[in-house]
Amino acid sequence: TCESHASQVRRWLSPHRGVSKDKLTQYLRAFQLRRKLYRKPGRKALKRAIQATL
């Protein structure tokens, strides 16, 4: 649900105290990529990581 996703983002951001509003989008994109990689094992995850970095 939306609430669980928001709580996971808050937990993931907590070690990065003081995230500026300008950089928040980058942190959220990194979080999304991390979540997608953990859901897709193997070659699909590697292919997605390569596409995301290019």
Protein backbone atom coordinates (compact mmCIF):
# COMPACT_ATOMS: atom_id res chain seq x y z
CA THR A 1 0.00 0.00 0.00
CA CYS A 2 0.96 3.62 -0.20
CA GLU A 3 1.52 3.86 3.56
CA SER A 4 3.91 0.91 3.63
CA HIS A 5 5.91 2.30 0.71
CA ALA A 6 6.17 5.69 2.43
CA SER A 7 7.33 4.11 5.68
CA GLN A 8 10.01 2.13 3.80
CA VAL A 9 11.24 5.33 2.14
CA ARG A 10 11.36 7.10 5.51
CA ARG A 11 13.34 4.23 7.03
CA TRP A 12 15.75 4.20 4.08
CA LEU A 13 16.25 7.98 4.22
CA SER A 14 16.77 8.15 8.00
CA PRO A 15 20.57 7.50 7.88
CA HIS A 16 20.87 10.31 5.31
CA ARG A 17 19.87 13.09 7.67
CA GLY A 18 19.59 16.52 6.21
CA VAL A 19 18.66 15.61 2.64
CA SER A 20 18.04 18.83 0.78
CA LYS A 21 14.93 19.30 -1.33
CA ASP A 22 17.11 19.65 -4.42
CA LYS A 23 18.63 16.19 -3.91
CA LEU A 24 15.49 14.40 -2.70
CA THR A 25 14.50 13.30 -6.21
CA GLN A 26 17.87 11.62 -6.71
CA TYR A 27 17.56 9.78 -3.39
CA LEU A 28 14.06 8.60 -4.28
CA ARG A 29 15.22 7.37 -7.70
CA ALA A 30 18.03 5.43 -6.02
CA PHE A 31 15.49 3.91 -3.65
CA GLN A 32 13.22 2.91 -6.54
CA LEU A 33 16.11 1.32 -8.42
CA ARG A 34 17.14 -0.60 -5.33
CA ARG A 35 13.60 -1.91 -4.82
CA LYS A 36 13.31 -2.97 -8.48
CA LEU A 37 16.65 -4.78 -8.38
CA TYR A 38 15.74 -6.75 -5.28
CA ARG A 39 12.46 -7.88 -6.84
CA LYS A 40 13.99 -9.20 -10.08
CA PRO A 41 16.80 -11.72 -9.57
CA GLY A 42 19.45 -12.68 -12.05
CA ARG A 43 19.97 -11.32 -15.54
CA LYS A 44 16.88 -9.11 -15.48
CA ALA A 45 18.20 -7.23 -12.45
CA LEU A 46 21.61 -6.78 -14.05
CA LYS A 47 20.04 -5.57 -17.31
CA ARG A 48 17.84 -3.10 -15.43
CA ALA A 49 20.80 -1.76 -13.42
CA ILE A 50 22.79 -1.19 -16.60
CA GLN A 51 19.87 0.56 -18.29
CA ALA A 52 19.31 2.77 -15.26
CA THR A 53 22.91 3.91 -15.14
CA LEU A 54 23.05 4.77 -18.85
